């Protein structure tokens, strides 16, 4: 199964963390750069969601990033994709699979 790590450009500490986590399962990370919600204008946030005032900019960016990944799956005809955010920690149980 293909795996994409959802991260943001410039988040080198988080990306280095994910490289270390993926070393545990002998796999190279494949990063997908999402939407930085704090960089969206108020107009862009309003266009993105029905109730922009109840979501924080980061939450809007996260949702838009996942939507971009779903579009990527459609465009590339990928039936399955594991999406991992850049702050996960692999449990020992996963590492031993």
PDB file of N, CA and C in Angstrom:
ATOM      1  N   UNK A   1       0.844  -1.174   0.000  1.00  0.00           N
ATOM      2  CA  UNK A   1       0.000   0.000   0.000  1.00  0.00           C
ATOM      3  C   UNK A   1       0.892   1.241   0.000  1.00  0.00           C
ATOM      4  N   UNK A   2       0.491   2.199  -0.800  1.00  0.00           N
ATOM      5  CA  UNK A   2       1.230   3.455  -0.840  1.00  0.00           C
ATOM      6  C   UNK A   2       0.918   4.254   0.417  1.00  0.00           C
ATOM      7  N   UNK A   3       1.926   5.023   0.861  1.00  0.00           N
ATOM      8  CA  UNK A   3       1.784   5.844   2.058  1.00  0.00           C
ATOM      9  C   UNK A   3       2.220   7.260   1.717  1.00  0.00           C
ATOM     10  N   UNK A   4       1.421   8.229   2.130  1.00  0.00           N
ATOM     11  CA  UNK A   4       1.792   9.635   1.997  1.00  0.00           C
ATOM     12  C   UNK A   4       1.770  10.266   3.385  1.00  0.00           C
ATOM     13  N   UNK A   5       2.788  11.038   3.680  1.00  0.00           N
ATOM     14  CA  UNK A   5       2.853  11.752   4.941  1.00  0.00           C
ATOM     15  C   UNK A   5       2.420  13.187   4.676  1.00  0.00           C
ATOM     16  N   UNK A   6       1.379  13.582   5.359  1.00  0.00           N
ATOM     17  CA  UNK A   6       0.859  14.935   5.215  1.00  0.00           C
ATOM     18  C   UNK A   6       1.659  15.871   6.111  1.00  0.00           C
ATOM     19  N   UNK A   7       2.295  16.841   5.492  1.00  0.00           N
ATOM     20  CA  UNK A   7       3.132  17.786   6.217  1.00  0.00           C
ATOM     21  C   UNK A   7       3.012  19.150   5.547  1.00  0.00           C
ATOM     22  N   UNK A   8       3.718  20.121   6.072  1.00  0.00           N
ATOM     23  CA  UNK A   8       3.731  21.460   5.490  1.00  0.00           C
ATOM     24  C   UNK A   8       5.151  21.812   5.089  1.00  0.00           C
ATOM     25  N   UNK A   9       5.277  22.599   4.040  1.00  0.00           N
ATOM     26  CA  UNK A   9       6.600  23.060   3.618  1.00  0.00           C
ATOM     27  C   UNK A   9       7.261  23.790   4.772  1.00  0.00           C
ATOM     28  N   UNK A  10       8.545  23.542   4.940  1.00  0.00           N
ATOM     29  CA  UNK A  10       9.304  24.231   5.971  1.00  0.00           C
ATOM     30  C   UNK A  10       9.244  23.603   7.350  1.00  0.00           C
ATOM     31  N   UNK A  11       8.456  22.565   7.532  1.00  0.00           N
ATOM     32  CA  UNK A  11       8.340  21.903   8.842  1.00  0.00           C
ATOM     33  C   UNK A  11       9.405  20.812   8.954  1.00  0.00           C
ATOM     34  N   UNK A  12      10.668  21.222   8.920  1.00  0.00           N
ATOM     35  CA  UNK A  12      11.777  20.256   8.873  1.00  0.00           C
ATOM     36  C   UNK A  12      11.853  19.389  10.127  1.00  0.00           C
ATOM     37  N   UNK A  13      11.536  19.951  11.287  1.00  0.00           N
ATOM     38  CA  UNK A  13      11.595  19.146  12.506  1.00  0.00           C
ATOM     39  C   UNK A  13      10.584  18.000  12.444  1.00  0.00           C
ATOM     40  N   UNK A  14       9.367  18.301  11.989  1.00  0.00           N
ATOM     41  CA  UNK A  14       8.344  17.259  11.863  1.00  0.00           C
ATOM     42  C   UNK A  14       8.731  16.244  10.790  1.00  0.00           C
ATOM     43  N   UNK A  15       9.298  16.713   9.692  1.00  0.00           N
ATOM     44  CA  UNK A  15       9.704  15.803   8.625  1.00  0.00           C
ATOM     45  C   UNK A  15      10.855  14.906   9.077  1.00  0.00           C
ATOM     46  N   UNK A  16      11.785  15.457   9.841  1.00  0.00           N
ATOM     47  CA  UNK A  16      12.875  14.625  10.371  1.00  0.00           C
ATOM     48  C   UNK A  16      12.334  13.600  11.354  1.00  0.00           C
ATOM     49  N   UNK A  17      11.346  13.994  12.154  1.00  0.00           N
ATOM     50  CA  UNK A  17      10.691  13.045  13.056  1.00  0.00           C
ATOM     51  C   UNK A  17      10.109  11.878  12.254  1.00  0.00           C
ATOM     52  N   UNK A  18       9.429  12.181  11.154  1.00  0.00           N
ATOM     53  CA  UNK A  18       8.804  11.127  10.351  1.00  0.00           C
ATOM     54  C   UNK A  18       9.856  10.251   9.677  1.00  0.00           C
ATOM     55  N   UNK A  19      10.970  10.824   9.285  1.00  0.00           N
ATOM     56  CA  UNK A  19      12.050   9.996   8.719  1.00  0.00           C
ATOM     57  C   UNK A  19      12.526   8.970   9.749  1.00  0.00           C
ATOM     58  N   UNK A  20      12.674   9.417  11.002  1.00  0.00           N
ATOM     59  CA  UNK A  20      13.091   8.484  12.064  1.00  0.00           C
ATOM     60  C   UNK A  20      12.025   7.416  12.302  1.00  0.00           C
ATOM     61  N   UNK A  21      10.753   7.802  12.290  1.00  0.00           N
ATOM     62  CA  UNK A  21       9.688   6.824  12.494  1.00  0.00           C
ATOM     63  C   UNK A  21       9.667   5.794  11.366  1.00  0.00           C
ATOM     64  N   UNK A  22       9.830   6.244  10.138  1.00  0.00           N
ATOM     65  CA  UNK A  22       9.783   5.316   9.005  1.00  0.00           C
ATOM     66  C   UNK A  22      11.023   4.422   8.942  1.00  0.00           C
ATOM     67  N   UNK A  23      12.138   4.866   9.521  1.00  0.00           N
ATOM     68  CA  UNK A  23      13.305   3.990   9.630  1.00  0.00           C
ATOM     69  C   UNK A  23      12.967   2.759  10.457  1.00  0.00           C
ATOM     70  N   UNK A  24      12.070   2.916  11.444  1.00  0.00           N
ATOM     71  CA  UNK A  24      11.678   1.807  12.309  1.00  0.00           C
ATOM     72  C   UNK A  24      11.006   0.679  11.515  1.00  0.00           C
ATOM     73  N   UNK A  25      10.352   1.042  10.417  1.00  0.00           N
ATOM     74  CA  UNK A  25       9.674   0.020   9.608  1.00  0.00           C
ATOM     75  C   UNK A  25      10.364  -0.169   8.252  1.00  0.00           C
ATOM     76  N   UNK A  26      11.611   0.288   8.172  1.00  0.00           N
ATOM     77  CA  UNK A  26      12.452   0.104   6.973  1.00  0.00           C
ATOM     78  C   UNK A  26      11.769   0.601   5.702  1.00  0.00           C
ATOM     79  N   UNK A  27      11.178   1.778   5.796  1.00  0.00           N
ATOM     80  CA  UNK A  27      10.501   2.382   4.658  1.00  0.00           C
ATOM     81  C   UNK A  27      10.919   3.845   4.550  1.00  0.00           C
ATOM     82  N   UNK A  28      11.027   4.325   3.332  1.00  0.00           N
ATOM     83  CA  UNK A  28      11.335   5.738   3.124  1.00  0.00           C
ATOM     84  C   UNK A  28      10.045   6.543   3.101  1.00  0.00           C
ATOM     85  N   UNK A  29      10.017   7.675   3.787  1.00  0.00           N
ATOM     86  CA  UNK A  29       8.807   8.480   3.790  1.00  0.00           C
ATOM     87  C   UNK A  29       8.585   9.169   2.451  1.00  0.00           C
ATOM     88  N   UNK A  30       7.325   9.344   2.117  1.00  0.00           N
ATOM     89  CA  UNK A  30       6.926  10.051   0.904  1.00  0.00           C
ATOM     90  C   UNK A  30       6.033  11.209   1.360  1.00  0.00           C
ATOM     91  N   UNK A  31       6.565  12.422   1.302  1.00  0.00           N
ATOM     92  CA  UNK A  31       5.858  13.581   1.832  1.00  0.00           C
ATOM     93  C   UNK A  31       4.892  14.186   0.827  1.00  0.00           C
ATOM     94  N   UNK A  32       3.788  14.661   1.354  1.00  0.00           N
ATOM     95  CA  UNK A  32       2.804  15.410   0.580  1.00  0.00           C
ATOM     96  C   UNK A  32       2.619  16.737   1.304  1.00  0.00           C
ATOM     97  N   UNK A  33       2.893  17.828   0.597  1.00  0.00           N
ATOM     98  CA  UNK A  33       2.846  19.148   1.220  1.00  0.00           C
ATOM     99  C   UNK A  33       1.448  19.736   1.101  1.00  0.00           C
ATOM    100  N   UNK A  34       0.848  19.960   2.256  1.00  0.00           N
ATOM    101  CA  UNK A  34      -0.531  20.422   2.318  1.00  0.00           C
ATOM    102  C   UNK A  34      -0.668  21.929   2.398  1.00  0.00           C
ATOM    103  N   UNK A  35      -1.845  22.348   2.817  1.00  0.00           N
ATOM    104  CA  UNK A  35      -2.237  23.757   2.875  1.00  0.00           C
ATOM    105  C   UNK A  35      -1.959  24.305   4.270  1.00  0.00           C
ATOM    106  N   UNK A  36      -1.223  25.391   4.339  1.00  0.00           N
ATOM    107  CA  UNK A  36      -0.997  26.072   5.616  1.00  0.00           C
ATOM    108  C   UNK A  36      -2.181  27.012   5.836  1.00  0.00           C
ATOM    109  N   UNK A  37      -3.053  26.610   6.741  1.00  0.00           N
ATOM    110  CA  UNK A  37      -4.276  27.365   6.981  1.00  0.00           C
ATOM    111  C   UNK A  37      -4.039  28.801   7.400  1.00  0.00           C
ATOM    112  N   UNK A  38      -2.973  29.037   8.155  1.00  0.00           N
ATOM    113  CA  UNK A  38      -2.695  30.403   8.610  1.00  0.00           C
ATOM    114  C   UNK A  38      -2.281  31.324   7.466  1.00  0.00           C
ATOM    115  N   UNK A  39      -1.917  30.753   6.325  1.00  0.00           N
ATOM    116  CA  UNK A  39      -1.534  31.563   5.166  1.00  0.00           C
ATOM    117  C   UNK A  39      -2.736  31.919   4.291  1.00  0.00           C
ATOM    118  N   UNK A  40      -3.901  31.322   4.592  1.00  0.00           N
ATOM    119  CA  UNK A  40      -5.100  31.626   3.812  1.00  0.00           C
ATOM    120  C   UNK A  40      -5.680  32.977   4.229  1.00  0.00           C
ATOM    121  N   UNK A  41      -6.188  33.690   3.265  1.00  0.00           N
ATOM    122  CA  UNK A  41      -6.864  34.946   3.580  1.00  0.00           C
ATOM    123  C   UNK A  41      -8.231  34.642   4.183  1.00  0.00           C
ATOM    124  N   UNK A  42      -8.835  35.650   4.795  1.00  0.00           N
ATOM    125  CA  UNK A  42     -10.180  35.475   5.354  1.00  0.00           C
ATOM    126  C   UNK A  42     -11.158  35.061   4.257  1.00  0.00           C
ATOM    127  N   UNK A  43     -11.002  35.625   3.071  1.00  0.00           N
ATOM    128  CA  UNK A  43     -11.887  35.269   1.953  1.00  0.00           C
ATOM    129  C   UNK A  43     -11.692  33.805   1.559  1.00  0.00           C
ATOM    130  N   UNK A  44     -10.443  33.349   1.496  1.00  0.00           N
ATOM    131  CA  UNK A  44     -10.177  31.954   1.139  1.00  0.00           C
ATOM    132  C   UNK A  44     -10.757  31.008   2.193  1.00  0.00           C
ATOM    133  N   UNK A  45     -10.640  31.373   3.469  1.00  0.00           N
ATOM    134  CA  UNK A  45     -11.218  30.532   4.524  1.00  0.00           C
ATOM    135  C   UNK A  45     -12.733  30.463   4.403  1.00  0.00           C
ATOM    136  N   UNK A  46     -13.368  31.603   4.081  1.00  0.00           N
ATOM    137  CA  UNK A  46     -14.829  31.613   3.909  1.00  0.00           C
ATOM    138  C   UNK A  46     -15.252  30.762   2.725  1.00  0.00           C
ATOM    139  N   UNK A  47     -14.475  30.776   1.653  1.00  0.00           N
ATOM    140  CA  UNK A  47     -14.799  29.975   0.474  1.00  0.00           C
ATOM    141  C   UNK A  47     -14.576  28.476   0.728  1.00  0.00           C
ATOM    142  N   UNK A  48     -13.690  28.163   1.654  1.00  0.00           N
ATOM    143  CA  UNK A  48     -13.315  26.767   1.879  1.00  0.00           C
ATOM    144  C   UNK A  48     -14.336  25.997   2.707  1.00  0.00           C
ATOM    145  N   UNK A  49     -14.964  26.658   3.656  1.00  0.00           N
ATOM    146  CA  UNK A  49     -15.866  25.955   4.567  1.00  0.00           C
ATOM    147  C   UNK A  49     -17.134  26.761   4.802  1.00  0.00           C
ATOM    148  N   UNK A  50     -18.184  26.071   5.178  1.00  0.00           N
ATOM    149  CA  UNK A  50     -19.478  26.710   5.396  1.00  0.00           C
ATOM    150  C   UNK A  50     -19.453  27.618   6.620  1.00  0.00           C
ATOM    151  N   UNK A  51     -18.828  27.175   7.697  1.00  0.00           N
ATOM    152  CA  UNK A  51     -18.771  27.935   8.953  1.00  0.00           C
ATOM    153  C   UNK A  51     -17.314  28.229   9.325  1.00  0.00           C
ATOM    154  N   UNK A  52     -16.646  29.146   8.614  1.00  0.00           N
ATOM    155  CA  UNK A  52     -15.219  29.369   8.875  1.00  0.00           C
ATOM    156  C   UNK A  52     -14.928  29.914  10.268  1.00  0.00           C
ATOM    157  N   UNK A  53     -15.905  30.525  10.913  1.00  0.00           N
ATOM    158  CA  UNK A  53     -15.648  31.117  12.227  1.00  0.00           C
ATOM    159  C   UNK A  53     -15.564  30.089  13.346  1.00  0.00           C
ATOM    160  N   UNK A  54     -16.041  28.876  13.121  1.00  0.00           N
ATOM    161  CA  UNK A  54     -15.977  27.868  14.186  1.00  0.00           C
ATOM    162  C   UNK A  54     -14.748  26.975  14.056  1.00  0.00           C
ATOM    163  N   UNK A  55     -14.016  27.121  12.961  1.00  0.00           N
ATOM    164  CA  UNK A  55     -12.792  26.344  12.763  1.00  0.00           C
ATOM    165  C   UNK A  55     -11.584  27.267  12.823  1.00  0.00           C
ATOM    166  N   UNK A  56     -10.509  26.753  13.407  1.00  0.00           N
ATOM    167  CA  UNK A  56      -9.254  27.490  13.431  1.00  0.00           C
ATOM    168  C   UNK A  56      -8.620  27.390  12.043  1.00  0.00           C
ATOM    169  N   UNK A  57      -7.791  28.365  11.658  1.00  0.00           N
ATOM    170  CA  UNK A  57      -7.145  28.300  10.338  1.00  0.00           C
ATOM    171  C   UNK A  57      -6.400  26.993  10.098  1.00  0.00           C
ATOM    172  N   UNK A  58      -5.731  26.466  11.131  1.00  0.00           N
ATOM    173  CA  UNK A  58      -5.011  25.201  10.972  1.00  0.00           C
ATOM    174  C   UNK A  58      -5.935  24.036  10.674  1.00  0.00           C
ATOM    175  N   UNK A  59      -7.126  24.056  11.270  1.00  0.00           N
ATOM    176  CA  UNK A  59      -8.105  23.003  11.016  1.00  0.00           C
ATOM    177  C   UNK A  59      -8.620  23.077   9.585  1.00  0.00           C
ATOM    178  N   UNK A  60      -8.810  24.290   9.088  1.00  0.00           N
ATOM    179  CA  UNK A  60      -9.241  24.460   7.696  1.00  0.00           C
ATOM    180  C   UNK A  60      -8.139  23.968   6.758  1.00  0.00           C
ATOM    181  N   UNK A  61      -6.894  24.332   7.050  1.00  0.00           N
ATOM    182  CA  UNK A  61      -5.776  23.881   6.225  1.00  0.00           C
ATOM    183  C   UNK A  61      -5.645  22.372   6.226  1.00  0.00           C
ATOM    184  N   UNK A  62      -5.843  21.759   7.377  1.00  0.00           N
ATOM    185  CA  UNK A  62      -5.764  20.295   7.482  1.00  0.00           C
ATOM    186  C   UNK A  62      -6.845  19.648   6.621  1.00  0.00           C
ATOM    187  N   UNK A  63      -8.073  20.154   6.733  1.00  0.00           N
ATOM    188  CA  UNK A  63      -9.173  19.590   5.936  1.00  0.00           C
ATOM    189  C   UNK A  63      -8.903  19.754   4.444  1.00  0.00           C
ATOM    190  N   UNK A  64      -8.442  20.928   4.038  1.00  0.00           N
ATOM    191  CA  UNK A  64      -8.146  21.157   2.621  1.00  0.00           C
ATOM    192  C   UNK A  64      -7.007  20.252   2.147  1.00  0.00           C
ATOM    193  N   UNK A  65      -6.050  20.009   3.012  1.00  0.00           N
ATOM    194  CA  UNK A  65      -4.930  19.132   2.658  1.00  0.00           C
ATOM    195  C   UNK A  65      -5.405  17.708   2.409  1.00  0.00           C
ATOM    196  N   UNK A  66      -6.297  17.229   3.257  1.00  0.00           N
ATOM    197  CA  UNK A  66      -6.845  15.887   3.044  1.00  0.00           C
ATOM    198  C   UNK A  66      -7.637  15.832   1.737  1.00  0.00           C
ATOM    199  N   UNK A  67      -8.390  16.884   1.447  1.00  0.00           N
ATOM    200  CA  UNK A  67      -9.125  16.925   0.182  1.00  0.00           C
ATOM    201  C   UNK A  67      -8.169  16.893  -1.007  1.00  0.00           C
ATOM    202  N   UNK A  68      -7.036  17.588  -0.894  1.00  0.00           N
ATOM    203  CA  UNK A  68      -6.040  17.547  -1.966  1.00  0.00           C
ATOM    204  C   UNK A  68      -5.497  16.128  -2.156  1.00  0.00           C
ATOM    205  N   UNK A  69      -5.293  15.428  -1.065  1.00  0.00           N
ATOM    206  CA  UNK A  69      -4.820  14.047  -1.170  1.00  0.00           C
ATOM    207  C   UNK A  69      -5.861  13.157  -1.836  1.00  0.00           C
ATOM    208  N   UNK A  70      -7.130  13.362  -1.528  1.00  0.00           N
ATOM    209  CA  UNK A  70      -8.189  12.577  -2.181  1.00  0.00           C
ATOM    210  C   UNK A  70      -8.214  12.871  -3.680  1.00  0.00           C
ATOM    211  N   UNK A  71      -8.021  14.136  -4.044  1.00  0.00           N
ATOM    212  CA  UNK A  71      -7.975  14.490  -5.462  1.00  0.00           C
ATOM    213  C   UNK A  71      -6.765  13.845  -6.131  1.00  0.00           C
ATOM    214  N   UNK A  72      -5.636  13.817  -5.431  1.00  0.00           N
ATOM    215  CA  UNK A  72      -4.431  13.147  -5.930  1.00  0.00           C
ATOM    216  C   UNK A  72      -4.724  11.674  -6.216  1.00  0.00           C
ATOM    217  N   UNK A  73      -5.451  11.020  -5.306  1.00  0.00           N
ATOM    218  CA  UNK A  73      -5.805   9.615  -5.510  1.00  0.00           C
ATOM    219  C   UNK A  73      -6.654   9.445  -6.768  1.00  0.00           C
ATOM    220  N   UNK A  74      -7.591  10.334  -6.987  1.00  0.00           N
ATOM    221  CA  UNK A  74      -8.434  10.267  -8.185  1.00  0.00           C
ATOM    222  C   UNK A  74      -7.593  10.486  -9.435  1.00  0.00           C
ATOM    223  N   UNK A  75      -6.765  11.539  -9.403  1.00  0.00           N
ATOM    224  CA  UNK A  75      -5.946  11.882 -10.569  1.00  0.00           C
ATOM    225  C   UNK A  75      -4.979  10.770 -10.943  1.00  0.00           C
ATOM    226  N   UNK A  76      -4.424  10.101  -9.947  1.00  0.00           N
ATOM    227  CA  UNK A  76      -3.424   9.058 -10.182  1.00  0.00           C
ATOM    228  C   UNK A  76      -4.024   7.655 -10.209  1.00  0.00           C
ATOM    229  N   UNK A  77      -5.344   7.564 -10.090  1.00  0.00           N
ATOM    230  CA  UNK A  77      -6.050   6.280 -10.088  1.00  0.00           C
ATOM    231  C   UNK A  77      -5.484   5.340  -9.017  1.00  0.00           C
ATOM    232  N   UNK A  78      -5.405   5.862  -7.802  1.00  0.00           N
ATOM    233  CA  UNK A  78      -4.886   5.103  -6.664  1.00  0.00           C
ATOM    234  C   UNK A  78      -6.085   4.637  -5.837  1.00  0.00           C
ATOM    235  N   UNK A  79      -6.344   3.332  -5.772  1.00  0.00           N
ATOM    236  CA  UNK A  79      -7.526   2.858  -5.049  1.00  0.00           C
ATOM    237  C   UNK A  79      -7.388   2.938  -3.529  1.00  0.00           C
ATOM    238  N   UNK A  80      -6.151   2.805  -3.018  1.00  0.00           N
ATOM    239  CA  UNK A  80      -5.917   2.825  -1.578  1.00  0.00           C
ATOM    240  C   UNK A  80      -4.691   3.665  -1.282  1.00  0.00           C
ATOM    241  N   UNK A  81      -4.762   4.428  -0.228  1.00  0.00           N
ATOM    242  CA  UNK A  81      -3.628   5.245   0.179  1.00  0.00           C
ATOM    243  C   UNK A  81      -3.685   5.419   1.688  1.00  0.00           C
ATOM    244  N   UNK A  82      -2.595   5.112   2.348  1.00  0.00           N
ATOM    245  CA  UNK A  82      -2.521   5.386   3.778  1.00  0.00           C
ATOM    246  C   UNK A  82      -2.021   6.813   3.946  1.00  0.00           C
ATOM    247  N   UNK A  83      -2.808   7.615   4.640  1.00  0.00           N
ATOM    248  CA  UNK A  83      -2.443   8.997   4.908  1.00  0.00           C
ATOM    249  C   UNK A  83      -1.995   9.074   6.360  1.00  0.00           C
ATOM    250  N   UNK A  84      -0.778   9.531   6.553  1.00  0.00           N
ATOM    251  CA  UNK A  84      -0.195   9.651   7.880  1.00  0.00           C
ATOM    252  C   UNK A  84       0.150  11.115   8.102  1.00  0.00           C
ATOM    253  N   UNK A  85      -0.318  11.673   9.196  1.00  0.00           N
ATOM    254  CA  UNK A  85       0.061  13.047   9.505  1.00  0.00           C
ATOM    255  C   UNK A  85       1.445  13.051  10.137  1.00  0.00           C
ATOM    256  N   UNK A  86       2.081  14.202  10.111  1.00  0.00           N
ATOM    257  CA  UNK A  86       3.507  14.276  10.453  1.00  0.00           C
ATOM    258  C   UNK A  86       3.811  14.309  11.946  1.00  0.00           C
ATOM    259  N   UNK A  87       2.861  13.920  12.773  1.00  0.00           N
ATOM    260  CA  UNK A  87       3.118  13.900  14.208  1.00  0.00           C
ATOM    261  C   UNK A  87       2.851  12.534  14.837  1.00  0.00           C
ATOM    262  N   UNK A  88       2.759  11.506  14.009  1.00  0.00           N
ATOM    263  CA  UNK A  88       2.481  10.176  14.554  1.00  0.00           C
ATOM    264  C   UNK A  88       3.740   9.551  15.136  1.00  0.00           C
ATOM    265  N   UNK A  89       3.520   8.599  16.016  1.00  0.00           N
ATOM    266  CA  UNK A  89       4.603   7.790  16.577  1.00  0.00           C
ATOM    267  C   UNK A  89       4.187   6.344  16.389  1.00  0.00           C
ATOM    268  N   UNK A  90       5.040   5.563  15.757  1.00  0.00           N
ATOM    269  CA  UNK A  90       4.744   4.156  15.533  1.00  0.00           C
ATOM    270  C   UNK A  90       4.904   3.384  16.842  1.00  0.00           C
ATOM    271  N   UNK A  91       3.924   2.590  17.166  1.00  0.00           N
ATOM    272  CA  UNK A  91       3.973   1.771  18.372  1.00  0.00           C
ATOM    273  C   UNK A  91       4.894   0.577  18.143  1.00  0.00           C
ATOM    274  N   UNK A  92       5.412   0.013  19.222  1.00  0.00           N
ATOM    275  CA  UNK A  92       6.247  -1.190  19.068  1.00  0.00           C
ATOM    276  C   UNK A  92       5.501  -2.320  18.354  1.00  0.00           C
ATOM    277  N   UNK A  93       4.186  -2.423  18.571  1.00  0.00           N
ATOM    278  CA  UNK A  93       3.406  -3.473  17.907  1.00  0.00           C
ATOM    279  C   UNK A  93       3.437  -3.322  16.387  1.00  0.00           C
ATOM    280  N   UNK A  94       3.360  -2.110  15.908  1.00  0.00           N
ATOM    281  CA  UNK A  94       3.420  -1.874  14.461  1.00  0.00           C
ATOM    282  C   UNK A  94       4.808  -2.210  13.924  1.00  0.00           C
ATOM    283  N   UNK A  95       5.803  -1.816  14.630  1.00  0.00           N
ATOM    284  CA  UNK A  95       7.172  -2.029  14.173  1.00  0.00           C
ATOM    285  C   UNK A  95       7.504  -3.505  14.037  1.00  0.00           C
ATOM    286  N   UNK A  96       6.887  -4.353  14.846  1.00  0.00           N
ATOM    287  CA  UNK A  96       7.197  -5.786  14.792  1.00  0.00           C
ATOM    288  C   UNK A  96       6.352  -6.551  13.791  1.00  0.00           C
ATOM    289  N   UNK A  97       5.423  -5.886  13.096  1.00  0.00           N
ATOM    290  CA  UNK A  97       4.593  -6.588  12.098  1.00  0.00           C
ATOM    291  C   UNK A  97       5.412  -7.032  10.915  1.00  0.00           C
TER     292      UNK A  97
END
